[in-house]
Structure formats: structure tokens, C-alpha cells
């Protein structure tokens, strides 16, 4: 029987962009999402772009869930956009459209250029109002604070994953993500990461 794109086998494509500054753990977040997709038999493709070192080492991950021919997410194509850092969210705003759901942490990590006085860090209010104006839904909160509450300041990635899964945009269940967190993170961090995930999930419900 010929494979039909319109048939039951077709799965809506969902495009996710994650931006972070190097070392914030977005590669682990991507791996957890990929693992959860595999558990649920959801086709997934991902690609990563590592930015220039002088930009603070920005890392951008593109993850496409469902039937798609390419991992490339063109400008304006993201269904959901997650930023680990508010000024990076602003920089990558071109990836979004009026229907995009945006999640960002509000804890600034000013880039190196600002630290040496060569650039200005945007006002957080400016960032959030621009994001809110240009996208469908904005979930903005201090993910670092919740990561500290979970017991590990480095679990910002898991907090943001929780918020992402709460939106219901991706075809991934919270249970599959929890299982992937358990298998993909170091044993010593599993409990903290699960707690961070749950805190982020609960936070997104408030927005």
C-alpha cells in the first residue's frame, strides 16, 4: 500500500528553536527531547549552530518533530521558541511569527562585549514587551531562581523544558520527558533535574 502523506501515518510537523549561551545546557535539553521523541516513535531531526566565541558562544538548536524533509527552520517558521537568556531571545526574534509561543528565562547573562563596556544590555521590560507584541504567547520568568529552588543552579535547562512541555505544542508527554531525564542525566543530578522540570511545568501553568 503506498505511503500517503494524508494518511494516518502523517504527523503534524512542529518546529522548535532553542537559543542559549554556551554552557547553559541546551545540548542536554535537546538530547532529552530527542530521546523522549524516540520513546514515543515520533520522527525527530535536530541540528545545532555554535556561534562565534566573541558573542559569548551562542548555541542555537533547531529541532523538528514529525514528518519533515529538513532540519532547517527558516526565519519566521518556529512554532515554539525557547531562550535561556532574554537578550538572546531578542536577537533570535526573527525566527518567530505571530503564532509562535515563546518561553524565555528573565535572568540576564550579559555577553562579554557588555562586560568590557562595548555594548549595552537591553532593558528586560523592553525585551518582554517586544516578545509579547511579536508572538502569540509569552511565558517569561526567572528560570535560574527555580533551578536554585530545585537544588542545582545548572538545571535551568530542565526548568525551561518543563515550561515547554506544559504548552502542549510538542507531541511529547511529560512522562516521556521524565523518563528521558532519568536516562540521559548523571545519576547524581536526576532528582534535582526532575524537580526542576516539575517547577518549570508548574510555572508555565501560571502564565
N, C-alpha and C. Protein backbone atom coordinates (compact mmCIF):
# COMPACT_ATOMS: atom_id res chain seq x y z
N UNK A 1 0.85 -1.19 0.00
CA UNK A 1 0.00 0.00 0.00
C UNK A 1 0.89 1.25 0.00
N UNK A 2 0.63 2.17 -0.90
CA UNK A 2 1.53 3.33 -0.96
C UNK A 2 1.42 4.19 0.30
N UNK A 3 2.56 4.73 0.67
CA UNK A 3 2.59 5.61 1.85
C UNK A 3 1.91 6.92 1.50
N UNK A 4 0.93 7.29 2.27
CA UNK A 4 0.20 8.53 1.98
C UNK A 4 0.52 9.58 3.01
N UNK A 5 0.89 10.75 2.54
CA UNK A 5 1.17 11.86 3.45
C UNK A 5 -0.10 12.28 4.18
N UNK A 6 -1.24 12.04 3.53
CA UNK A 6 -2.51 12.44 4.15
C UNK A 6 -3.07 11.36 5.08
N UNK A 7 -2.45 10.20 5.01
CA UNK A 7 -2.99 9.07 5.78
C UNK A 7 -2.78 9.20 7.27
N UNK A 8 -3.12 8.13 7.98
CA UNK A 8 -3.00 8.13 9.44
C UNK A 8 -1.55 8.26 9.90
N UNK A 9 -0.64 7.93 9.00
CA UNK A 9 0.77 7.96 9.38
C UNK A 9 1.30 9.39 9.45
N UNK A 10 0.57 10.33 8.88
CA UNK A 10 1.09 11.70 8.84
C UNK A 10 1.04 12.33 10.23
N UNK A 11 2.08 13.02 10.53
CA UNK A 11 2.14 13.69 11.82
C UNK A 11 2.45 15.16 11.58
N UNK A 12 1.71 16.01 12.22
CA UNK A 12 1.96 17.44 12.08
C UNK A 12 3.40 17.75 12.45
N UNK A 13 4.00 18.58 11.67
CA UNK A 13 5.37 18.99 11.95
C UNK A 13 5.37 20.13 12.95
N UNK A 14 6.21 20.01 13.95
CA UNK A 14 6.37 21.09 14.92
C UNK A 14 7.84 21.49 14.94
N UNK A 15 8.07 22.79 14.85
CA UNK A 15 9.45 23.28 14.77
C UNK A 15 9.81 24.06 16.03
N UNK A 16 10.90 23.64 16.64
CA UNK A 16 11.35 24.24 17.89
C UNK A 16 12.75 24.84 17.71
N UNK A 17 12.91 26.07 18.17
CA UNK A 17 14.24 26.70 18.20
C UNK A 17 14.61 26.91 19.67
N UNK A 18 15.82 26.52 20.05
CA UNK A 18 16.32 26.80 21.40
C UNK A 18 17.58 27.64 21.27
N UNK A 19 17.63 28.77 21.94
CA UNK A 19 18.88 29.54 21.95
C UNK A 19 19.40 29.66 23.38
N UNK A 20 20.70 29.57 23.50
CA UNK A 20 21.33 29.66 24.82
C UNK A 20 22.76 30.14 24.64
N UNK A 21 23.36 30.50 25.75
CA UNK A 21 24.77 30.84 25.75
C UNK A 21 25.51 29.56 26.11
N UNK A 22 26.64 29.32 25.47
CA UNK A 22 27.39 28.08 25.71
C UNK A 22 27.53 27.75 27.19
N UNK A 23 27.34 26.48 27.53
CA UNK A 23 27.50 26.08 28.93
C UNK A 23 26.20 26.12 29.71
N UNK A 24 25.11 26.56 29.06
CA UNK A 24 23.83 26.62 29.79
C UNK A 24 23.05 25.31 29.72
N UNK A 25 23.58 24.35 28.98
CA UNK A 25 22.94 23.03 29.00
C UNK A 25 21.84 22.82 27.97
N UNK A 26 21.84 23.64 26.91
CA UNK A 26 20.76 23.39 25.95
C UNK A 26 21.01 22.15 25.10
N UNK A 27 22.27 21.70 25.02
CA UNK A 27 22.53 20.47 24.26
C UNK A 27 21.96 19.26 24.98
N UNK A 28 22.05 19.28 26.31
CA UNK A 28 21.43 18.20 27.10
C UNK A 28 19.91 18.28 26.94
N UNK A 29 19.36 19.49 26.98
CA UNK A 29 17.91 19.65 26.80
C UNK A 29 17.48 19.06 25.45
N UNK A 30 18.27 19.33 24.40
CA UNK A 30 17.96 18.78 23.07
C UNK A 30 18.01 17.26 23.08
N UNK A 31 19.02 16.72 23.76
CA UNK A 31 19.15 15.25 23.82
C UNK A 31 17.97 14.61 24.54
N UNK A 32 17.51 15.26 25.61
CA UNK A 32 16.36 14.75 26.36
C UNK A 32 15.11 14.76 25.47
N UNK A 33 14.92 15.85 24.73
CA UNK A 33 13.76 15.93 23.82
C UNK A 33 13.84 14.86 22.74
N UNK A 34 15.05 14.65 22.21
CA UNK A 34 15.24 13.64 21.17
C UNK A 34 14.95 12.24 21.67
N UNK A 35 15.44 11.96 22.87
CA UNK A 35 15.22 10.65 23.49
C UNK A 35 13.72 10.41 23.75
N UNK A 36 13.03 11.44 24.26
CA UNK A 36 11.59 11.32 24.54
C UNK A 36 10.82 11.08 23.24
N UNK A 37 11.24 11.74 22.16
CA UNK A 37 10.58 11.55 20.86
C UNK A 37 10.76 10.11 20.38
N UNK A 38 11.99 9.58 20.54
CA UNK A 38 12.25 8.20 20.12
C UNK A 38 11.39 7.21 20.91
N UNK A 39 11.23 7.48 22.21
CA UNK A 39 10.39 6.60 23.05
C UNK A 39 8.95 6.57 22.56
N UNK A 40 8.50 7.69 22.01
CA UNK A 40 7.11 7.78 21.54
C UNK A 40 6.97 7.54 20.04
N UNK A 41 8.06 7.05 19.42
CA UNK A 41 8.05 6.79 17.98
C UNK A 41 7.71 8.02 17.15
N UNK A 42 8.20 9.16 17.57
CA UNK A 42 7.96 10.40 16.83
C UNK A 42 9.22 10.73 16.04
N UNK A 43 9.10 10.92 14.72
CA UNK A 43 10.29 11.28 13.95
C UNK A 43 10.85 12.60 14.48
N UNK A 44 12.16 12.66 14.63
CA UNK A 44 12.77 13.89 15.14
C UNK A 44 14.10 14.12 14.42
N UNK A 45 14.33 15.36 14.07
CA UNK A 45 15.61 15.73 13.45
C UNK A 45 16.13 16.95 14.17
N UNK A 46 17.42 16.99 14.43
CA UNK A 46 17.97 18.18 15.09
C UNK A 46 19.28 18.62 14.49
N UNK A 47 19.52 19.91 14.58
CA UNK A 47 20.82 20.44 14.16
C UNK A 47 21.21 21.55 15.12
N UNK A 48 22.50 21.77 15.23
CA UNK A 48 22.99 22.79 16.17
C UNK A 48 23.93 23.74 15.46
N UNK A 49 23.83 25.00 15.82
CA UNK A 49 24.74 26.01 15.29
C UNK A 49 25.46 26.62 16.47
N UNK A 50 26.78 26.57 16.45
CA UNK A 50 27.57 27.19 17.51
C UNK A 50 28.08 28.53 17.03
N UNK A 51 27.72 29.57 17.77
CA UNK A 51 28.07 30.91 17.35
C UNK A 51 29.52 31.27 17.64
N UNK A 52 29.85 32.47 17.27
CA UNK A 52 31.21 32.97 17.44
C UNK A 52 31.54 33.11 18.92
N UNK A 53 32.78 32.82 19.26
CA UNK A 53 33.21 32.91 20.67
C UNK A 53 33.02 34.31 21.24
N UNK A 54 33.26 35.35 20.40
CA UNK A 54 33.16 36.69 20.97
C UNK A 54 31.73 37.09 21.28
N UNK A 55 30.79 36.30 20.82
CA UNK A 55 29.39 36.60 21.14
C UNK A 55 28.96 35.89 22.39
N UNK A 56 29.92 35.39 23.14
CA UNK A 56 29.56 34.67 24.36
C UNK A 56 29.25 33.22 24.04
N UNK A 57 29.59 32.79 22.80
CA UNK A 57 29.38 31.40 22.43
C UNK A 57 27.92 31.00 22.39
N UNK A 58 27.15 31.69 21.55
CA UNK A 58 25.72 31.39 21.46
C UNK A 58 25.52 30.05 20.75
N UNK A 59 24.65 29.24 21.31
CA UNK A 59 24.34 27.94 20.71
C UNK A 59 22.86 27.95 20.34
N UNK A 60 22.58 27.62 19.09
CA UNK A 60 21.18 27.56 18.66
C UNK A 60 20.87 26.15 18.18
N UNK A 61 19.83 25.56 18.75
CA UNK A 61 19.41 24.23 18.31
C UNK A 61 18.09 24.33 17.56
N UNK A 62 18.01 23.65 16.44
CA UNK A 62 16.76 23.55 15.68
C UNK A 62 16.30 22.10 15.78
N UNK A 63 15.10 21.90 16.25
CA UNK A 63 14.58 20.53 16.38
C UNK A 63 13.22 20.45 15.69
N UNK A 64 13.12 19.52 14.76
CA UNK A 64 11.87 19.35 14.01
C UNK A 64 11.25 18.01 14.39
N UNK A 65 10.02 18.06 14.85
CA UNK A 65 9.29 16.86 15.24
C UNK A 65 8.24 16.55 14.17
N UNK A 66 8.08 15.26 13.86
CA UNK A 66 7.07 14.89 12.87
C UNK A 66 7.69 14.78 11.48
N UNK A 67 6.83 14.68 10.47
CA UNK A 67 7.29 14.47 9.10
C UNK A 67 7.85 15.77 8.54
N UNK A 68 9.12 15.74 8.21
CA UNK A 68 9.74 16.92 7.61
C UNK A 68 10.93 16.47 6.79
N UNK A 69 11.19 17.18 5.71
CA UNK A 69 12.31 16.80 4.86
C UNK A 69 13.62 17.42 5.32
N UNK A 70 13.52 18.43 6.17
CA UNK A 70 14.73 19.17 6.50
C UNK A 70 14.75 19.58 7.96
N UNK A 71 15.95 19.72 8.49
CA UNK A 71 16.07 20.22 9.87
C UNK A 71 16.17 21.74 9.87
N UNK A 72 16.26 22.32 8.68
CA UNK A 72 16.44 23.77 8.64
C UNK A 72 15.12 24.46 8.96
N UNK A 73 15.18 25.34 9.94
CA UNK A 73 13.99 26.12 10.29
C UNK A 73 14.26 27.54 9.82
N UNK A 74 13.54 27.94 8.79
CA UNK A 74 13.78 29.27 8.22
C UNK A 74 13.22 30.35 9.14
N UNK A 75 13.63 31.58 8.88
CA UNK A 75 13.12 32.69 9.67
C UNK A 75 11.59 32.71 9.63
N UNK A 76 11.00 32.96 10.79
CA UNK A 76 9.55 33.03 10.88
C UNK A 76 8.84 31.70 10.93
N UNK A 77 9.61 30.60 11.03
CA UNK A 77 8.99 29.26 10.97
C UNK A 77 8.84 28.55 12.31
N UNK A 78 9.38 29.11 13.38
CA UNK A 78 9.33 28.39 14.66
C UNK A 78 7.91 28.35 15.21
N UNK A 79 7.46 27.15 15.59
CA UNK A 79 6.16 27.02 16.27
C UNK A 79 6.33 27.38 17.74
N UNK A 80 7.50 27.03 18.25
CA UNK A 80 7.79 27.32 19.66
C UNK A 80 9.27 27.69 19.77
N UNK A 81 9.53 28.65 20.62
CA UNK A 81 10.87 29.23 20.73
C UNK A 81 11.24 29.31 22.20
N UNK A 82 12.38 28.71 22.55
CA UNK A 82 12.82 28.71 23.95
C UNK A 82 14.17 29.42 24.03
N UNK A 83 14.25 30.41 24.91
CA UNK A 83 15.51 31.11 25.08
C UNK A 83 15.96 31.03 26.53
N UNK A 84 17.23 30.69 26.72
CA UNK A 84 17.78 30.58 28.07
C UNK A 84 18.16 31.95 28.61
N UNK A 85 18.06 32.97 27.77
CA UNK A 85 18.61 34.27 28.13
C UNK A 85 17.82 35.36 27.39
N UNK A 86 17.37 36.42 28.10
CA UNK A 86 16.47 37.39 27.47
C UNK A 86 17.03 38.15 26.27
N UNK A 87 18.29 38.57 26.31
CA UNK A 87 18.80 39.33 25.16
C UNK A 87 18.97 38.42 23.94
N UNK A 88 19.25 37.13 24.18
CA UNK A 88 19.35 36.17 23.07
C UNK A 88 17.97 35.94 22.45
N UNK A 89 16.93 36.03 23.28
CA UNK A 89 15.57 35.89 22.76
C UNK A 89 15.29 37.00 21.77
N UNK A 90 15.74 38.20 22.11
CA UNK A 90 15.53 39.36 21.26
C UNK A 90 16.30 39.20 19.95
N UNK A 91 17.54 38.73 20.07
CA UNK A 91 18.39 38.56 18.89
C UNK A 91 17.78 37.57 17.89
N UNK A 92 17.14 36.56 18.42
CA UNK A 92 16.61 35.49 17.56
C UNK A 92 15.12 35.66 17.25
N UNK A 93 14.59 36.83 17.52
CA UNK A 93 13.14 37.05 17.34
C UNK A 93 12.67 36.82 15.91
N UNK A 94 13.60 36.99 14.95
CA UNK A 94 13.25 36.79 13.54
C UNK A 94 12.84 35.36 13.22
N UNK A 95 13.16 34.42 14.13
CA UNK A 95 12.78 33.02 13.90
C UNK A 95 11.29 32.80 14.16
N UNK A 96 10.65 33.79 14.82
CA UNK A 96 9.27 33.63 15.27
C UNK A 96 8.28 34.30 14.33
N UNK A 97 7.00 33.98 14.54
CA UNK A 97 5.93 34.66 13.82
C UNK A 97 4.80 34.94 14.80
N UNK A 98 3.70 35.47 14.30
CA UNK A 98 2.57 35.86 15.16
C UNK A 98 1.95 34.69 15.92
N UNK A 99 2.21 33.47 15.45
CA UNK A 99 1.61 32.28 16.08
C UNK A 99 2.59 31.55 17.00
N UNK A 100 3.82 32.02 17.06
CA UNK A 100 4.84 31.33 17.86
C UNK A 100 4.60 31.50 19.35
N UNK A 101 4.78 30.42 20.10
CA UNK A 101 4.77 30.51 21.56
C UNK A 101 6.22 30.64 22.01
N UNK A 102 6.48 31.65 22.82
CA UNK A 102 7.84 31.96 23.24
C UNK A 102 8.01 31.76 24.74
N UNK A 103 9.10 31.09 25.10
CA UNK A 103 9.43 30.87 26.52
C UNK A 103 10.84 31.43 26.73
N UNK A 104 10.99 32.30 27.71
CA UNK A 104 12.34 32.79 27.99
C UNK A 104 12.58 32.92 29.48
N UNK A 105 13.83 32.66 29.85
CA UNK A 105 14.24 32.97 31.21
C UNK A 105 14.53 34.45 31.27
N UNK A 106 14.26 35.07 32.39
CA UNK A 106 14.49 36.50 32.54
C UNK A 106 15.81 36.81 33.25
N UNK A 107 16.60 35.79 33.58
CA UNK A 107 17.87 36.05 34.26
C UNK A 107 18.91 36.42 33.21
N UNK A 108 19.39 37.66 33.22
CA UNK A 108 20.35 38.05 32.19
C UNK A 108 21.73 37.45 32.41
N UNK A 109 22.35 37.09 31.30
CA UNK A 109 23.76 36.67 31.32
C UNK A 109 24.42 37.62 30.33
N UNK A 110 24.77 38.83 30.76
CA UNK A 110 25.28 39.80 29.79
C UNK A 110 26.51 39.28 29.06
N UNK A 111 26.53 39.45 27.74
CA UNK A 111 27.66 38.95 26.96
C UNK A 111 28.94 39.70 27.30
N UNK A 112 30.02 39.09 26.88
CA UNK A 112 31.37 39.61 27.11
C UNK A 112 31.50 41.07 26.66
N UNK A 113 30.89 41.42 25.53
CA UNK A 113 31.01 42.79 25.00
C UNK A 113 30.45 43.82 25.98
N UNK A 114 29.37 43.44 26.68
CA UNK A 114 28.80 44.36 27.67
C UNK A 114 29.75 44.49 28.85
N UNK A 115 30.32 43.37 29.25
CA UNK A 115 31.24 43.36 30.39
C UNK A 115 32.44 44.28 30.16
N UNK A 116 32.90 44.37 28.91
CA UNK A 116 34.05 45.24 28.65
C UNK A 116 33.61 46.63 28.19
N UNK A 117 32.32 46.92 28.31
CA UNK A 117 31.83 48.26 28.02
C UNK A 117 31.64 48.59 26.56
N UNK A 118 31.60 47.55 25.70
CA UNK A 118 31.48 47.81 24.26
C UNK A 118 30.04 47.68 23.76
N UNK A 119 29.16 47.25 24.62
CA UNK A 119 27.79 47.08 24.17
C UNK A 119 26.85 47.40 25.31
N UNK A 120 25.58 47.56 24.98
CA UNK A 120 24.62 47.84 26.04
C UNK A 120 23.65 46.69 26.16
N UNK A 121 23.33 46.35 27.39
CA UNK A 121 22.38 45.26 27.59
C UNK A 121 20.97 45.86 27.55
N UNK A 122 20.05 45.27 26.77
CA UNK A 122 18.70 45.85 26.70
C UNK A 122 17.94 45.73 28.02
N UNK A 123 17.04 46.67 28.24
CA UNK A 123 16.18 46.61 29.43
C UNK A 123 15.30 45.37 29.32
N UNK A 124 15.14 44.65 30.43
CA UNK A 124 14.32 43.43 30.43
C UNK A 124 12.88 43.74 29.99
N UNK A 125 12.36 44.90 30.46
CA UNK A 125 10.98 45.28 30.08
C UNK A 125 10.86 45.45 28.57
N UNK A 126 11.91 46.02 27.97
CA UNK A 126 11.91 46.21 26.51
C UNK A 126 11.86 44.85 25.82
N UNK A 127 12.66 43.92 26.33
CA UNK A 127 12.71 42.57 25.76
C UNK A 127 11.33 41.91 25.82
N UNK A 128 10.73 41.91 27.02
CA UNK A 128 9.46 41.19 27.18
C UNK A 128 8.34 41.85 26.39
N UNK A 129 8.31 43.18 26.33
CA UNK A 129 7.21 43.81 25.59
C UNK A 129 7.34 43.54 24.09
N UNK A 130 8.58 43.52 23.59
CA UNK A 130 8.77 43.21 22.16
C UNK A 130 8.39 41.77 21.85
N UNK A 131 8.80 40.87 22.73
CA UNK A 131 8.45 39.45 22.53
C UNK A 131 6.95 39.24 22.57
N UNK A 132 6.31 39.89 23.55
CA UNK A 132 4.85 39.73 23.70
C UNK A 132 4.11 40.28 22.49
N UNK A 133 4.63 41.38 21.95
CA UNK A 133 3.99 42.04 20.82
C UNK A 133 4.10 41.22 19.54
N UNK A 134 5.23 40.54 19.37
CA UNK A 134 5.50 39.87 18.10
C UNK A 134 5.12 38.40 18.06
N UNK A 135 4.79 37.81 19.21
CA UNK A 135 4.44 36.39 19.21
C UNK A 135 3.08 36.17 19.87
N UNK A 136 2.58 34.96 19.77
CA UNK A 136 1.22 34.66 20.22
C UNK A 136 1.10 34.59 21.74
N UNK A 137 2.09 33.95 22.36
CA UNK A 137 2.02 33.76 23.81
C UNK A 137 3.44 33.85 24.37
N UNK A 138 3.60 34.58 25.44
CA UNK A 138 4.92 34.71 26.05
C UNK A 138 4.89 34.17 27.47
N UNK A 139 5.80 33.24 27.74
CA UNK A 139 5.97 32.71 29.10
C UNK A 139 7.37 33.15 29.52
N UNK A 140 7.44 34.17 30.37
CA UNK A 140 8.73 34.73 30.76
C UNK A 140 8.85 34.71 32.28
N UNK A 141 9.91 34.12 32.79
CA UNK A 141 10.09 34.02 34.24
C UNK A 141 11.57 33.79 34.54
N UNK A 142 11.92 33.90 35.80
CA UNK A 142 13.31 33.71 36.21
C UNK A 142 13.59 32.22 36.42
N UNK A 143 14.13 31.60 35.38
CA UNK A 143 14.37 30.15 35.44
C UNK A 143 15.52 29.81 36.39
N UNK A 144 16.45 30.75 36.56
CA UNK A 144 17.59 30.49 37.46
C UNK A 144 17.11 30.33 38.90
N UNK A 145 16.14 31.17 39.27
CA UNK A 145 15.59 31.11 40.63
C UNK A 145 14.96 29.74 40.89
N UNK A 146 14.22 29.24 39.90
CA UNK A 146 13.57 27.92 40.07
C UNK A 146 14.62 26.80 40.07
N UNK A 147 15.68 26.97 39.28
CA UNK A 147 16.75 25.97 39.27
C UNK A 147 17.42 25.89 40.65
N UNK A 148 17.63 27.06 41.26
CA UNK A 148 18.21 27.09 42.60
C UNK A 148 17.28 26.41 43.60
N UNK A 149 15.99 26.65 43.42
CA UNK A 149 14.99 26.03 44.29
C UNK A 149 15.02 24.50 44.16
N UNK A 150 15.31 24.03 42.94
CA UNK A 150 15.39 22.58 42.70
C UNK A 150 16.67 21.99 43.28
N UNK A 151 17.62 22.88 43.64
CA UNK A 151 18.84 22.38 44.26
C UNK A 151 20.07 22.42 43.38
N UNK A 152 19.92 22.89 42.13
CA UNK A 152 21.07 22.95 41.24
C UNK A 152 20.90 24.09 40.26
N UNK A 153 21.72 25.12 40.41
CA UNK A 153 21.60 26.31 39.56
C UNK A 153 21.80 25.98 38.08
N UNK A 154 22.45 24.85 37.80
CA UNK A 154 22.69 24.46 36.41
C UNK A 154 21.47 23.79 35.76
N UNK A 155 20.41 23.58 36.53
CA UNK A 155 19.25 22.89 35.94
C UNK A 155 18.23 23.83 35.31
N UNK A 156 18.69 25.03 34.91
CA UNK A 156 17.85 25.97 34.17
C UNK A 156 17.26 25.29 32.92
N UNK A 157 18.09 24.44 32.28
CA UNK A 157 17.63 23.75 31.07
C UNK A 157 16.40 22.88 31.36
N UNK A 158 16.38 22.23 32.52
CA UNK A 158 15.25 21.36 32.87
C UNK A 158 14.00 22.17 33.25
N UNK A 159 14.24 23.32 33.88
CA UNK A 159 13.13 24.23 34.21
C UNK A 159 12.44 24.67 32.91
N UNK A 160 13.23 25.07 31.93
CA UNK A 160 12.68 25.53 30.66
C UNK A 160 12.02 24.40 29.87
N UNK A 161 12.56 23.18 30.01
CA UNK A 161 11.91 22.01 29.38
C UNK A 161 10.52 21.81 29.97
N UNK A 162 10.42 21.98 31.29
CA UNK A 162 9.12 21.82 31.94
C UNK A 162 8.10 22.81 31.39
N UNK A 163 8.53 24.06 31.25
CA UNK A 163 7.63 25.10 30.70
C UNK A 163 7.25 24.76 29.25
N UNK A 164 8.23 24.27 28.50
CA UNK A 164 7.99 23.92 27.09
C UNK A 164 6.95 22.82 26.97
N UNK A 165 7.08 21.77 27.76
CA UNK A 165 6.17 20.63 27.67
C UNK A 165 4.76 21.04 28.14
N UNK A 166 4.71 21.96 29.11
CA UNK A 166 3.40 22.40 29.61
C UNK A 166 2.56 23.06 28.51
N UNK A 167 3.22 23.71 27.55
CA UNK A 167 2.45 24.41 26.50
C UNK A 167 1.64 23.44 25.64
N UNK A 168 2.07 22.16 25.63
CA UNK A 168 1.33 21.16 24.86
C UNK A 168 1.54 21.26 23.35
N UNK A 169 2.48 22.09 22.93
CA UNK A 169 2.70 22.27 21.49
C UNK A 169 3.41 21.08 20.88
N UNK A 170 4.40 20.57 21.60
CA UNK A 170 5.14 19.42 21.08
C UNK A 170 4.36 18.14 21.37
N UNK A 171 4.51 17.13 20.51
CA UNK A 171 3.77 15.88 20.71
C UNK A 171 4.40 14.97 21.76
N UNK A 172 5.05 15.55 22.76
CA UNK A 172 5.77 14.75 23.76
C UNK A 172 5.04 14.79 25.09
N UNK A 173 4.98 13.67 25.78
CA UNK A 173 4.32 13.64 27.08
C UNK A 173 5.32 13.97 28.18
N UNK A 174 4.80 14.50 29.27
CA UNK A 174 5.66 14.81 30.42
C UNK A 174 6.33 13.54 30.94
N UNK A 175 5.62 12.42 30.88
CA UNK A 175 6.18 11.16 31.38
C UNK A 175 7.38 10.71 30.54
N UNK A 176 7.27 10.89 29.23
CA UNK A 176 8.40 10.50 28.35
C UNK A 176 9.61 11.39 28.64
N UNK A 177 9.36 12.67 28.88
CA UNK A 177 10.46 13.59 29.21
C UNK A 177 11.10 13.18 30.53
N UNK A 178 10.27 12.88 31.53
CA UNK A 178 10.83 12.47 32.84
C UNK A 178 11.70 11.23 32.70
N UNK A 179 11.22 10.29 31.89
CA UNK A 179 11.99 9.06 31.68
C UNK A 179 13.31 9.38 30.97
N UNK A 180 13.26 10.28 29.99
CA UNK A 180 14.47 10.67 29.25
C UNK A 180 15.45 11.41 30.16
N UNK A 181 14.92 12.23 31.06
CA UNK A 181 15.79 12.94 32.02
C UNK A 181 16.52 11.90 32.89
N UNK A 182 15.77 10.88 33.30
CA UNK A 182 16.34 9.83 34.15
C UNK A 182 17.45 9.07 33.44
N UNK A 183 17.27 8.82 32.13
CA UNK A 183 18.28 8.03 31.41
C UNK A 183 19.42 8.88 30.87
N UNK A 184 19.18 10.15 30.61
CA UNK A 184 20.19 10.98 29.94
C UNK A 184 21.04 11.84 30.88
N UNK A 185 20.62 12.01 32.13
CA UNK A 185 21.43 12.87 33.00
C UNK A 185 22.18 12.03 34.04
N UNK A 186 23.26 12.60 34.54
CA UNK A 186 24.08 11.88 35.52
C UNK A 186 23.24 11.56 36.76
N UNK A 187 23.46 10.35 37.28
CA UNK A 187 22.68 9.86 38.42
C UNK A 187 22.55 10.87 39.56
N UNK A 188 23.65 11.54 39.87
CA UNK A 188 23.66 12.48 41.00
C UNK A 188 22.68 13.64 40.80
N UNK A 189 22.35 13.93 39.53
CA UNK A 189 21.50 15.10 39.24
C UNK A 189 20.06 14.76 38.90
N UNK A 190 19.75 13.46 38.77
CA UNK A 190 18.42 13.07 38.29
C UNK A 190 17.30 13.69 39.13
N UNK A 191 17.37 13.54 40.45
CA UNK A 191 16.28 14.05 41.30
C UNK A 191 16.12 15.56 41.18
N UNK A 192 17.26 16.28 41.17
CA UNK A 192 17.20 17.73 41.05
C UNK A 192 16.65 18.14 39.69
N UNK A 193 17.05 17.41 38.65
CA UNK A 193 16.57 17.73 37.31
C UNK A 193 15.07 17.48 37.16
N UNK A 194 14.60 16.40 37.77
CA UNK A 194 13.16 16.11 37.74
C UNK A 194 12.38 17.18 38.49
N UNK A 195 12.93 17.61 39.62
CA UNK A 195 12.27 18.66 40.39
C UNK A 195 12.23 19.97 39.60
N UNK A 196 13.36 20.27 38.94
CA UNK A 196 13.45 21.48 38.12
C UNK A 196 12.42 21.44 36.98
N UNK A 197 12.29 20.26 36.36
CA UNK A 197 11.30 20.07 35.28
C UNK A 197 9.89 20.36 35.80
N UNK A 198 9.57 19.80 36.95
CA UNK A 198 8.22 19.98 37.53
C UNK A 198 7.97 21.44 37.92
N UNK A 199 9.00 22.12 38.43
CA UNK A 199 8.84 23.54 38.80
C UNK A 199 8.59 24.39 37.56
N UNK A 200 9.30 24.10 36.48
CA UNK A 200 9.10 24.85 35.23
C UNK A 200 7.72 24.60 34.65
N UNK A 201 7.27 23.34 34.73
CA UNK A 201 5.94 22.97 34.23
C UNK A 201 4.87 23.75 35.00
N UNK A 202 5.00 23.78 36.32
CA UNK A 202 4.03 24.48 37.17
C UNK A 202 4.06 25.99 36.91
N UNK A 203 5.25 26.52 36.67
CA UNK A 203 5.40 27.96 36.42
C UNK A 203 4.67 28.36 35.14
N UNK A 204 4.80 27.56 34.10
CA UNK A 204 4.16 27.87 32.81
C UNK A 204 2.64 27.87 32.94
N UNK A 205 2.12 27.04 33.84
CA UNK A 205 0.67 26.99 34.05
C UNK A 205 0.13 28.33 34.55
N UNK A 206 0.99 29.09 35.25
CA UNK A 206 0.57 30.38 35.81
C UNK A 206 0.49 31.48 34.74
N UNK A 207 1.16 31.25 33.60
CA UNK A 207 1.22 32.29 32.57
C UNK A 207 0.11 32.12 31.55
